[in-house]
């Protein structure tokens, strides 16, 4: 059975979007997923399923979360091999800024169009840069993520698809835990 890595968007932010990871693991197991694991509280899930299609896994997880939590949770699914290849590509990509800048991966729900890619890479005179990496995005911010302009709703609007961002340190930890052969 294939292993899938699911990245949940906007869970455990504020008081109204709480998704306890222990309960999530149990709900997913009860729904027929196997070997369910989570990494930290931000909605990083590894699971095994008879479903081969990432899109089917995304739909099943989203439906379960919508019914259980009462709010929509966009879910982006990658295979362990896809995550490992993404990390390798990012690790071989030179940084835009010097020491102290932070890198993030924004996992995209759907492909980012060529025109959206142009809009995302147009930020040249700011302390923020975006680089498409396959269907996902590499963000580099020379400052604080929470005050950056090229994040959240603005980033999603430019990309034209739901996104969920993870610090590159978290992506590396997930890759080492669940992807690395």
N, C-alpha and C. Protein backbone atom coordinates (compact mmCIF):
# COMPACT_ATOMS: atom_id res chain seq x y z
N UNK A 1 0.84 -1.18 0.00
CA UNK A 1 0.00 0.00 0.00
C UNK A 1 0.88 1.24 0.00
N UNK A 2 0.49 2.26 -0.77
CA UNK A 2 1.32 3.46 -0.84
C UNK A 2 1.26 4.32 0.42
N UNK A 3 2.39 4.97 0.68
CA UNK A 3 2.52 5.91 1.79
C UNK A 3 2.28 7.31 1.23
N UNK A 4 1.55 8.12 1.97
CA UNK A 4 1.24 9.48 1.57
C UNK A 4 1.60 10.43 2.70
N UNK A 5 2.02 11.63 2.33
CA UNK A 5 2.29 12.69 3.29
C UNK A 5 1.28 13.80 3.04
N UNK A 6 0.49 14.12 4.05
CA UNK A 6 -0.56 15.12 3.93
C UNK A 6 -0.19 16.36 4.74
N UNK A 7 -0.34 17.51 4.11
CA UNK A 7 -0.06 18.78 4.76
C UNK A 7 -1.39 19.54 4.85
N UNK A 8 -1.85 19.75 6.08
CA UNK A 8 -3.14 20.39 6.31
C UNK A 8 -2.95 21.90 6.42
N UNK A 9 -3.83 22.64 5.79
CA UNK A 9 -3.73 24.10 5.80
C UNK A 9 -4.52 24.70 6.96
N UNK A 10 -3.86 25.60 7.68
CA UNK A 10 -4.49 26.45 8.70
C UNK A 10 -5.20 25.68 9.80
N UNK A 11 -4.53 24.70 10.38
CA UNK A 11 -5.07 24.05 11.57
C UNK A 11 -4.24 24.49 12.78
N UNK A 12 -4.91 24.48 13.93
CA UNK A 12 -4.31 24.86 15.20
C UNK A 12 -3.78 26.29 15.18
N UNK A 13 -4.54 27.14 14.48
CA UNK A 13 -4.29 28.58 14.48
C UNK A 13 -5.50 29.24 15.12
N UNK A 14 -5.31 29.88 16.24
CA UNK A 14 -6.43 30.51 16.92
C UNK A 14 -7.31 29.49 17.62
N UNK A 15 -8.34 29.99 18.24
CA UNK A 15 -9.19 29.13 19.07
C UNK A 15 -10.22 28.34 18.27
N UNK A 16 -10.51 28.74 17.04
CA UNK A 16 -11.61 28.11 16.32
C UNK A 16 -11.18 27.04 15.32
N UNK A 17 -9.91 26.86 15.09
CA UNK A 17 -9.45 25.89 14.09
C UNK A 17 -8.58 24.80 14.73
N UNK A 18 -8.99 24.36 15.90
CA UNK A 18 -8.22 23.35 16.63
C UNK A 18 -8.47 21.95 16.07
N UNK A 19 -7.38 21.24 15.83
CA UNK A 19 -7.43 19.85 15.38
C UNK A 19 -6.40 19.10 16.21
N UNK A 20 -6.82 18.50 17.34
CA UNK A 20 -5.87 17.76 18.17
C UNK A 20 -5.27 16.58 17.38
N UNK A 21 -3.97 16.50 17.36
CA UNK A 21 -3.29 15.51 16.53
C UNK A 21 -3.59 14.07 16.98
N UNK A 22 -3.70 13.82 18.27
CA UNK A 22 -4.02 12.46 18.73
C UNK A 22 -5.40 12.04 18.22
N UNK A 23 -6.36 12.95 18.30
CA UNK A 23 -7.71 12.65 17.81
C UNK A 23 -7.70 12.52 16.29
N UNK A 24 -6.92 13.34 15.61
CA UNK A 24 -6.81 13.23 14.16
C UNK A 24 -6.28 11.86 13.75
N UNK A 25 -5.23 11.41 14.43
CA UNK A 25 -4.67 10.08 14.11
C UNK A 25 -5.74 9.01 14.28
N UNK A 26 -6.52 9.10 15.37
CA UNK A 26 -7.55 8.10 15.62
C UNK A 26 -8.66 8.17 14.58
N UNK A 27 -9.09 9.36 14.21
CA UNK A 27 -10.15 9.52 13.20
C UNK A 27 -9.70 8.96 11.85
N UNK A 28 -8.46 9.26 11.47
CA UNK A 28 -7.95 8.74 10.20
C UNK A 28 -7.83 7.22 10.23
N UNK A 29 -7.40 6.68 11.34
CA UNK A 29 -7.31 5.22 11.49
C UNK A 29 -8.71 4.60 11.41
N UNK A 30 -9.66 5.21 12.10
CA UNK A 30 -11.04 4.71 12.07
C UNK A 30 -11.62 4.76 10.65
N UNK A 31 -11.14 5.70 9.83
CA UNK A 31 -11.62 5.85 8.46
C UNK A 31 -10.93 4.90 7.49
N UNK A 32 -10.02 4.06 8.00
CA UNK A 32 -9.40 3.05 7.15
C UNK A 32 -7.97 3.32 6.74
N UNK A 33 -7.43 4.47 7.14
CA UNK A 33 -6.02 4.73 6.87
C UNK A 33 -5.18 3.94 7.87
N UNK A 34 -3.98 3.58 7.48
CA UNK A 34 -3.11 2.79 8.35
C UNK A 34 -1.81 3.53 8.60
N UNK A 35 -1.08 3.08 9.64
CA UNK A 35 0.23 3.63 9.97
C UNK A 35 0.20 5.15 10.05
N UNK A 36 -0.84 5.71 10.67
CA UNK A 36 -1.01 7.16 10.73
C UNK A 36 -0.08 7.75 11.79
N UNK A 37 0.69 8.74 11.36
CA UNK A 37 1.61 9.46 12.25
C UNK A 37 1.46 10.95 12.00
N UNK A 38 1.77 11.75 13.02
CA UNK A 38 1.79 13.21 12.84
C UNK A 38 3.14 13.74 13.31
N UNK A 39 3.47 14.92 12.81
CA UNK A 39 4.71 15.59 13.21
C UNK A 39 4.35 17.00 13.62
N UNK A 40 4.64 17.35 14.83
CA UNK A 40 4.29 18.60 15.51
C UNK A 40 2.80 18.90 15.33
N UNK A 41 2.36 20.06 15.76
CA UNK A 41 0.93 20.36 15.84
C UNK A 41 0.37 21.11 14.63
N UNK A 42 1.15 21.24 13.56
CA UNK A 42 0.72 22.09 12.45
C UNK A 42 0.09 21.33 11.29
N UNK A 43 -0.26 20.08 11.49
CA UNK A 43 -0.99 19.35 10.45
C UNK A 43 -0.11 18.68 9.43
N UNK A 44 0.92 18.01 9.87
CA UNK A 44 1.78 17.21 9.00
C UNK A 44 1.47 15.75 9.33
N UNK A 45 0.97 15.01 8.33
CA UNK A 45 0.48 13.65 8.58
C UNK A 45 1.08 12.68 7.57
N UNK A 46 1.54 11.56 8.06
CA UNK A 46 1.95 10.45 7.19
C UNK A 46 0.91 9.35 7.39
N UNK A 47 0.52 8.72 6.29
CA UNK A 47 -0.45 7.64 6.39
C UNK A 47 -0.30 6.71 5.20
N UNK A 48 -0.80 5.52 5.39
CA UNK A 48 -0.80 4.51 4.35
C UNK A 48 -2.25 4.26 3.96
N UNK A 49 -2.48 4.06 2.66
CA UNK A 49 -3.84 3.87 2.18
C UNK A 49 -3.84 2.97 0.96
N UNK A 50 -4.95 2.29 0.76
CA UNK A 50 -5.12 1.50 -0.46
C UNK A 50 -5.30 2.42 -1.67
N UNK A 51 -5.70 3.67 -1.40
CA UNK A 51 -5.85 4.64 -2.48
C UNK A 51 -4.48 4.99 -3.03
N UNK A 52 -4.34 4.91 -4.32
CA UNK A 52 -3.06 5.22 -4.96
C UNK A 52 -2.97 6.69 -5.36
N UNK A 53 -4.08 7.30 -5.62
CA UNK A 53 -4.13 8.67 -6.11
C UNK A 53 -4.03 9.67 -4.96
N UNK A 54 -3.10 10.61 -5.09
CA UNK A 54 -2.97 11.68 -4.09
C UNK A 54 -4.26 12.49 -4.02
N UNK A 55 -4.90 12.72 -5.16
CA UNK A 55 -6.14 13.49 -5.19
C UNK A 55 -7.25 12.80 -4.40
N UNK A 56 -7.32 11.47 -4.49
CA UNK A 56 -8.34 10.72 -3.74
C UNK A 56 -8.05 10.80 -2.24
N UNK A 57 -6.78 10.69 -1.86
CA UNK A 57 -6.41 10.81 -0.44
C UNK A 57 -6.75 12.21 0.06
N UNK A 58 -6.41 13.23 -0.73
CA UNK A 58 -6.74 14.62 -0.35
C UNK A 58 -8.23 14.75 -0.10
N UNK A 59 -9.04 14.27 -1.03
CA UNK A 59 -10.50 14.38 -0.91
C UNK A 59 -11.02 13.65 0.33
N UNK A 60 -10.51 12.46 0.56
CA UNK A 60 -10.97 11.67 1.71
C UNK A 60 -10.61 12.37 3.02
N UNK A 61 -9.40 12.90 3.12
CA UNK A 61 -8.98 13.59 4.34
C UNK A 61 -9.79 14.87 4.52
N UNK A 62 -9.98 15.62 3.44
CA UNK A 62 -10.76 16.87 3.52
C UNK A 62 -12.19 16.60 3.94
N UNK A 63 -12.80 15.55 3.38
CA UNK A 63 -14.17 15.21 3.75
C UNK A 63 -14.26 14.83 5.22
N UNK A 64 -13.35 14.00 5.67
CA UNK A 64 -13.33 13.60 7.08
C UNK A 64 -13.17 14.82 7.99
N UNK A 65 -12.22 15.69 7.67
CA UNK A 65 -11.99 16.87 8.50
C UNK A 65 -13.17 17.83 8.48
N UNK A 66 -13.78 18.01 7.32
CA UNK A 66 -14.94 18.89 7.23
C UNK A 66 -16.09 18.41 8.10
N UNK A 67 -16.36 17.10 8.06
CA UNK A 67 -17.44 16.54 8.88
C UNK A 67 -17.10 16.58 10.36
N UNK A 68 -15.87 16.25 10.69
CA UNK A 68 -15.45 16.18 12.10
C UNK A 68 -15.27 17.57 12.71
N UNK A 69 -14.56 18.44 12.03
CA UNK A 69 -14.20 19.73 12.60
C UNK A 69 -15.23 20.82 12.34
N UNK A 70 -16.01 20.66 11.27
CA UNK A 70 -16.99 21.67 10.96
C UNK A 70 -16.44 22.85 10.18
N UNK A 71 -15.25 22.71 9.64
CA UNK A 71 -14.69 23.75 8.77
C UNK A 71 -13.81 23.09 7.73
N UNK A 72 -13.62 23.81 6.63
CA UNK A 72 -12.84 23.29 5.51
C UNK A 72 -11.35 23.30 5.84
N UNK A 73 -10.67 22.21 5.51
CA UNK A 73 -9.23 22.11 5.70
C UNK A 73 -8.60 21.63 4.39
N UNK A 74 -8.17 22.58 3.53
CA UNK A 74 -7.47 22.14 2.32
C UNK A 74 -6.27 21.28 2.69
N UNK A 75 -6.12 20.20 1.94
CA UNK A 75 -5.07 19.22 2.22
C UNK A 75 -4.24 19.02 0.96
N UNK A 76 -2.92 19.08 1.13
CA UNK A 76 -2.01 18.87 0.02
C UNK A 76 -1.24 17.59 0.28
N UNK A 77 -1.32 16.62 -0.63
CA UNK A 77 -0.70 15.32 -0.44
C UNK A 77 0.48 15.16 -1.39
N UNK A 78 1.57 14.65 -0.84
CA UNK A 78 2.76 14.33 -1.64
C UNK A 78 3.20 12.93 -1.27
N UNK A 79 3.89 12.29 -2.19
CA UNK A 79 4.49 10.99 -1.87
C UNK A 79 5.80 11.26 -1.14
N UNK A 80 6.30 10.29 -0.39
CA UNK A 80 7.61 10.47 0.23
C UNK A 80 8.69 10.78 -0.81
N UNK A 81 8.64 10.15 -1.97
CA UNK A 81 9.64 10.41 -3.01
C UNK A 81 9.54 11.85 -3.53
N UNK A 82 8.32 12.35 -3.68
CA UNK A 82 8.16 13.74 -4.13
C UNK A 82 8.74 14.71 -3.10
N UNK A 83 8.46 14.47 -1.83
CA UNK A 83 8.99 15.35 -0.79
C UNK A 83 10.51 15.30 -0.77
N UNK A 84 11.06 14.11 -0.89
CA UNK A 84 12.52 13.95 -0.86
C UNK A 84 13.16 14.68 -2.05
N UNK A 85 12.57 14.56 -3.23
CA UNK A 85 13.10 15.24 -4.41
C UNK A 85 13.00 16.76 -4.26
N UNK A 86 11.90 17.24 -3.70
CA UNK A 86 11.72 18.68 -3.46
C UNK A 86 12.78 19.20 -2.51
N UNK A 87 12.98 18.48 -1.43
CA UNK A 87 14.00 18.90 -0.47
C UNK A 87 15.38 18.93 -1.12
N UNK A 88 15.72 17.92 -1.90
CA UNK A 88 17.03 17.88 -2.57
C UNK A 88 17.19 19.06 -3.52
N UNK A 89 16.12 19.39 -4.25
CA UNK A 89 16.18 20.53 -5.17
C UNK A 89 16.40 21.83 -4.40
N UNK A 90 15.67 22.00 -3.32
CA UNK A 90 15.81 23.21 -2.50
C UNK A 90 17.21 23.30 -1.90
N UNK A 91 17.69 22.18 -1.37
CA UNK A 91 19.02 22.19 -0.75
C UNK A 91 20.13 22.51 -1.75
N UNK A 92 19.90 22.27 -3.02
CA UNK A 92 20.91 22.57 -4.03
C UNK A 92 20.71 23.95 -4.67
N UNK A 93 19.70 24.68 -4.21
CA UNK A 93 19.39 26.00 -4.75
C UNK A 93 20.04 27.08 -3.88
N UNK A 94 20.87 27.94 -4.47
CA UNK A 94 21.50 29.00 -3.68
C UNK A 94 20.46 29.93 -3.06
N UNK A 95 20.80 30.50 -1.92
CA UNK A 95 19.88 31.42 -1.25
C UNK A 95 19.88 32.77 -1.95
N UNK A 96 18.77 33.48 -1.83
CA UNK A 96 18.67 34.84 -2.36
C UNK A 96 19.40 35.82 -1.45
N UNK A 97 19.28 35.59 -0.16
CA UNK A 97 19.79 36.53 0.84
C UNK A 97 20.90 35.87 1.64
N UNK A 98 21.52 36.61 2.51
CA UNK A 98 22.61 36.08 3.32
C UNK A 98 22.13 35.35 4.55
N UNK A 99 23.07 35.10 5.46
CA UNK A 99 22.73 34.42 6.72
C UNK A 99 21.63 35.18 7.46
N UNK A 100 20.77 34.44 8.11
CA UNK A 100 19.69 35.04 8.86
C UNK A 100 18.36 35.02 8.13
N UNK A 101 18.39 34.83 6.82
CA UNK A 101 17.13 34.73 6.09
C UNK A 101 16.50 33.37 6.37
N UNK A 102 15.20 33.28 6.18
CA UNK A 102 14.48 32.04 6.44
C UNK A 102 13.87 31.53 5.15
N UNK A 103 13.85 30.21 5.03
CA UNK A 103 13.25 29.56 3.87
C UNK A 103 12.03 28.77 4.29
N UNK A 104 11.02 28.80 3.42
CA UNK A 104 9.76 28.11 3.65
C UNK A 104 9.35 27.40 2.37
N UNK A 105 8.62 26.32 2.52
CA UNK A 105 8.03 25.63 1.38
C UNK A 105 6.53 25.87 1.46
N UNK A 106 5.96 26.34 0.36
CA UNK A 106 4.51 26.49 0.26
C UNK A 106 4.01 25.36 -0.64
N UNK A 107 3.33 24.40 -0.04
CA UNK A 107 2.76 23.28 -0.80
C UNK A 107 1.48 23.76 -1.47
N UNK A 108 1.37 23.55 -2.77
CA UNK A 108 0.24 24.04 -3.55
C UNK A 108 -0.79 22.94 -3.77
N UNK A 109 -2.06 23.33 -3.71
CA UNK A 109 -3.16 22.38 -3.94
C UNK A 109 -3.20 21.93 -5.39
N UNK A 110 -3.01 22.87 -6.33
CA UNK A 110 -2.99 22.55 -7.75
C UNK A 110 -1.78 23.20 -8.39
N UNK A 111 -1.55 22.90 -9.63
CA UNK A 111 -0.44 23.50 -10.37
C UNK A 111 -0.59 25.02 -10.41
N UNK A 112 0.53 25.71 -10.31
CA UNK A 112 0.54 27.16 -10.43
C UNK A 112 0.73 27.50 -11.91
N UNK A 113 -0.15 28.34 -12.45
CA UNK A 113 -0.10 28.66 -13.88
C UNK A 113 1.16 29.45 -14.23
N UNK A 114 1.54 29.44 -15.50
CA UNK A 114 2.71 30.24 -15.92
C UNK A 114 2.57 31.73 -15.59
N UNK A 115 1.38 32.30 -15.76
CA UNK A 115 1.20 33.72 -15.44
C UNK A 115 1.32 33.95 -13.94
N UNK A 116 0.82 33.01 -13.13
CA UNK A 116 0.97 33.13 -11.68
C UNK A 116 2.44 33.00 -11.28
N UNK A 117 3.18 32.12 -11.94
CA UNK A 117 4.62 31.99 -11.66
C UNK A 117 5.33 33.31 -11.93
N UNK A 118 4.95 33.98 -13.02
CA UNK A 118 5.56 35.28 -13.33
C UNK A 118 5.27 36.29 -12.22
N UNK A 119 4.02 36.33 -11.75
CA UNK A 119 3.65 37.26 -10.68
C UNK A 119 4.39 36.94 -9.39
N UNK A 120 4.54 35.66 -9.09
CA UNK A 120 5.21 35.26 -7.85
C UNK A 120 6.70 35.57 -7.86
N UNK A 121 7.32 35.53 -9.01
CA UNK A 121 8.77 35.77 -9.08
C UNK A 121 9.11 37.23 -9.35
N UNK A 122 8.11 38.11 -9.39
CA UNK A 122 8.33 39.52 -9.71
C UNK A 122 8.84 40.35 -8.53
N UNK A 123 8.92 39.78 -7.36
CA UNK A 123 9.32 40.53 -6.17
C UNK A 123 10.85 40.62 -6.12
N UNK A 124 11.41 41.62 -6.80
CA UNK A 124 12.86 41.75 -6.85
C UNK A 124 13.39 42.82 -5.91
N UNK A 125 12.58 43.82 -5.60
CA UNK A 125 13.04 44.93 -4.76
C UNK A 125 12.43 44.84 -3.37
N UNK A 126 12.34 43.65 -2.84
CA UNK A 126 11.78 43.47 -1.50
C UNK A 126 12.62 42.42 -0.77
N UNK A 127 12.44 42.34 0.53
CA UNK A 127 13.18 41.33 1.29
C UNK A 127 12.53 39.94 1.23
N UNK A 128 11.77 39.69 0.18
CA UNK A 128 11.07 38.42 0.00
C UNK A 128 11.24 37.95 -1.43
N UNK A 129 11.42 36.65 -1.58
CA UNK A 129 11.54 36.07 -2.92
C UNK A 129 10.74 34.78 -2.96
N UNK A 130 10.25 34.46 -4.15
CA UNK A 130 9.51 33.23 -4.36
C UNK A 130 10.06 32.57 -5.61
N UNK A 131 10.29 31.28 -5.50
CA UNK A 131 10.82 30.50 -6.62
C UNK A 131 9.97 29.24 -6.78
N UNK A 132 9.34 29.04 -7.93
CA UNK A 132 8.61 27.79 -8.15
C UNK A 132 9.57 26.59 -8.13
N UNK A 133 9.13 25.53 -7.51
CA UNK A 133 9.86 24.27 -7.44
C UNK A 133 8.87 23.17 -7.78
N UNK A 134 8.77 22.83 -9.05
CA UNK A 134 7.73 21.90 -9.48
C UNK A 134 6.39 22.56 -9.24
N UNK A 135 5.46 21.88 -8.59
CA UNK A 135 4.17 22.51 -8.32
C UNK A 135 4.17 23.32 -7.03
N UNK A 136 5.23 23.21 -6.24
CA UNK A 136 5.31 23.92 -4.96
C UNK A 136 6.18 25.17 -5.09
N UNK A 137 6.29 25.91 -4.00
CA UNK A 137 7.02 27.17 -4.03
C UNK A 137 8.05 27.22 -2.91
N UNK A 138 9.20 27.77 -3.21
CA UNK A 138 10.22 28.06 -2.22
C UNK A 138 10.13 29.55 -1.92
N UNK A 139 9.89 29.89 -0.67
CA UNK A 139 9.88 31.28 -0.23
C UNK A 139 11.14 31.54 0.57
N UNK A 140 11.74 32.69 0.34
CA UNK A 140 12.87 33.09 1.16
C UNK A 140 12.57 34.49 1.66
N UNK A 141 12.67 34.67 2.95
CA UNK A 141 12.31 35.93 3.57
C UNK A 141 13.48 36.40 4.41
N UNK A 142 13.91 37.61 4.12
CA UNK A 142 15.00 38.24 4.88
C UNK A 142 14.37 39.14 5.93
N UNK A 143 13.75 38.52 6.92
CA UNK A 143 13.02 39.23 7.96
C UNK A 143 12.06 38.27 8.64
N UNK A 144 11.01 38.81 9.21
CA UNK A 144 10.04 38.03 9.97
C UNK A 144 8.90 37.54 9.07
N UNK A 145 8.61 36.26 9.11
CA UNK A 145 7.55 35.66 8.30
C UNK A 145 6.21 36.36 8.55
N UNK A 146 5.93 36.70 9.80
CA UNK A 146 4.63 37.26 10.15
C UNK A 146 4.42 38.69 9.66
N UNK A 147 5.49 39.37 9.26
CA UNK A 147 5.34 40.73 8.71
C UNK A 147 5.62 40.77 7.21
N UNK A 148 5.96 39.65 6.64
CA UNK A 148 6.26 39.59 5.20
C UNK A 148 4.99 39.84 4.40
N UNK A 149 5.13 40.45 3.23
CA UNK A 149 3.98 40.73 2.36
C UNK A 149 3.65 39.54 1.47
N UNK A 150 4.62 38.73 1.14
CA UNK A 150 4.43 37.64 0.18
C UNK A 150 4.14 36.33 0.92
N UNK A 151 3.11 36.35 1.75
CA UNK A 151 2.69 35.16 2.49
C UNK A 151 1.16 35.13 2.55
N UNK A 152 0.63 34.08 3.12
CA UNK A 152 -0.80 33.97 3.39
C UNK A 152 -1.70 34.24 2.21
N UNK A 153 -2.71 35.09 2.45
CA UNK A 153 -3.74 35.35 1.44
C UNK A 153 -3.16 35.97 0.17
N UNK A 154 -2.18 36.85 0.30
CA UNK A 154 -1.57 37.48 -0.88
C UNK A 154 -0.87 36.42 -1.74
N UNK A 155 -0.12 35.54 -1.10
CA UNK A 155 0.58 34.49 -1.81
C UNK A 155 -0.41 33.58 -2.53
N UNK A 156 -1.49 33.20 -1.84
CA UNK A 156 -2.51 32.35 -2.46
C UNK A 156 -3.19 33.05 -3.62
N UNK A 157 -3.47 34.35 -3.47
CA UNK A 157 -4.10 35.09 -4.56
C UNK A 157 -3.20 35.10 -5.79
N UNK A 158 -1.92 35.38 -5.59
CA UNK A 158 -0.98 35.38 -6.72
C UNK A 158 -0.85 33.99 -7.34
N UNK A 159 -0.80 32.96 -6.49
CA UNK A 159 -0.63 31.58 -6.98
C UNK A 159 -1.90 31.05 -7.65
N UNK A 160 -3.06 31.53 -7.20
CA UNK A 160 -4.32 31.06 -7.76
C UNK A 160 -4.74 29.70 -7.25
N UNK A 161 -4.21 29.29 -6.11
CA UNK A 161 -4.52 27.98 -5.54
C UNK A 161 -4.26 28.02 -4.04
N UNK A 162 -4.99 27.22 -3.25
CA UNK A 162 -4.67 27.15 -1.83
C UNK A 162 -3.24 26.65 -1.62
N UNK A 163 -2.60 27.20 -0.58
CA UNK A 163 -1.23 26.84 -0.22
C UNK A 163 -1.16 26.61 1.28
N UNK A 164 -0.18 25.84 1.70
CA UNK A 164 0.14 25.76 3.12
C UNK A 164 1.65 25.79 3.24
N UNK A 165 2.15 26.68 4.07
CA UNK A 165 3.60 26.89 4.18
C UNK A 165 4.17 26.18 5.40
N UNK A 166 5.39 25.66 5.22
CA UNK A 166 6.14 25.04 6.31
C UNK A 166 7.56 25.60 6.27
N UNK A 167 8.11 25.86 7.44
CA UNK A 167 9.50 26.25 7.55
C UNK A 167 10.35 25.12 6.96
N UNK A 168 11.42 25.47 6.27
CA UNK A 168 12.26 24.45 5.65
C UNK A 168 12.83 23.48 6.69
N UNK A 169 13.05 23.94 7.91
CA UNK A 169 13.54 23.04 8.97
C UNK A 169 12.53 21.93 9.23
N UNK A 170 11.25 22.27 9.21
CA UNK A 170 10.18 21.28 9.41
C UNK A 170 10.14 20.32 8.22
N UNK A 171 10.26 20.86 7.01
CA UNK A 171 10.25 20.01 5.82
C UNK A 171 11.41 19.03 5.86
N UNK A 172 12.58 19.50 6.25
CA UNK A 172 13.73 18.60 6.37
C UNK A 172 13.48 17.51 7.41
N UNK A 173 12.92 17.90 8.55
CA UNK A 173 12.63 16.91 9.61
C UNK A 173 11.63 15.87 9.12
N UNK A 174 10.60 16.30 8.41
CA UNK A 174 9.60 15.37 7.88
C UNK A 174 10.25 14.46 6.85
N UNK A 175 11.07 15.01 5.98
CA UNK A 175 11.77 14.20 4.98
C UNK A 175 12.63 13.15 5.66
N UNK A 176 13.38 13.54 6.66
CA UNK A 176 14.25 12.57 7.36
C UNK A 176 13.43 11.52 8.09
N UNK A 177 12.30 11.91 8.62
CA UNK A 177 11.46 11.00 9.39
C UNK A 177 10.66 10.04 8.51
N UNK A 178 10.14 10.54 7.37
CA UNK A 178 9.18 9.77 6.60
C UNK A 178 9.57 9.47 5.16
N UNK A 179 10.59 10.13 4.63
CA UNK A 179 10.90 9.97 3.21
C UNK A 179 12.23 9.35 2.92
N UNK A 180 13.22 9.70 3.69
CA UNK A 180 14.58 9.30 3.36
C UNK A 180 14.73 7.78 3.42
N UNK A 181 15.23 7.19 2.32
CA UNK A 181 15.35 5.73 2.30
C UNK A 181 16.38 5.23 3.30
